[in-house]
Amino acid sequence: MTRISPCSYFKNNRGTLALVIILSVLLIDQIIKFWIKTSFYLGQSEEITSWFHLHFIENNGMAFGWEIGSKLLLTSIRIIVTALVIVYIWRIRKRPDLRTGYIVCLALIVAGAAGNIIDCAFYGLIFDDPAPMATATLFPEGGGYGTFLQGRVVDMFYFPIASWDWPSWLPIIGGQHFQFFQPVFNFADAAISVGIIALLLFYRKDFSSSGDPKQPLTDGSDTPANTPSEQ
C-alpha cells in the first residue's frame, strides 16, 4: 500500500487545500474575535510585551480600520468580490501551469475577506453594545446592537514597535510624534496582507498568465502539480 504524504495530497488536490486554508483561517479568526468581544470592554488594552498589545476596537471599514463609502456598500462589495475570487479559485484549481502557492495566496485573501464579512453581517445581530467597562454578551435577551450587514469589525492586534519625536527643524512634520506601527488589525486582516504581499513578491507571473492556460511557468521552486486528481 502506497502512502501519500499530506504535502503530495494537497498539491494534487488544490481545491481541497484552498478549502482547508479558508476554513482554518475563519475558525481561528472567529475564535479570537469571540474571545475579545466577551472578555474585553471596548477600548481596553492589555500589554503583552512592550511592542505587542491587545487593544480592542471596532470599525465599519476595511482592513486596518480604513473606511470607504457607506457601510452597506462596503459590505456588499466585499461579498461580491469574495464570491468572484472563490469562483476563480474553483476554475483554476486544476490548472497545471499555475503553482500551488498561487492558490494558497488567493485562499488567504478569500479567508480574510470572509472573516470580516462575518463580523459585518452577523455581529450586530448576535452581540449587544454595552458601555465601556462592560463586556459584550453573546445572544443578549434584548437583541443585538444592529441589523443584518450593519455589524462592526473587531480588531485587537496592536504593535507599537517604535516611536519618536521628529526634530523641530523639519518642515511640516517637525515636532510631531511618530509611532510605527500604528494600525490595529485582526487575524483576517493579517491573512489578507500575507496573501497579497506573497502574491506580489512571488506569484505575479501566475497572476498575469492565469488568463492564458497555454502559457507555462518555468521558474520558481513551487512547481505546479502535474497530475491533479481532484474531482
Foldseek 3Di string as FASTA:
>chain_A
DDDDDPVRQCLQVVLVVLVVLLVVLLVVQVVVQVCCQFPAFQQDWDDPDPFKIWGKHWELDDFLRDHDDDSLVRLVVLVVVLVVLNVLCVVCVNQQQAFSLLSQLSSLQSSLSVNQSCQQFPQQFQWARDDGPHGIDGNDPVTGNDHGSHGIGIFTIGGQPDKDAADQPDPPRHRPIDTPPGGTGTSSSVSNVVSVVCCVPPPVVSVVCVVPSVDHDDDDPRHHDPNRDHD
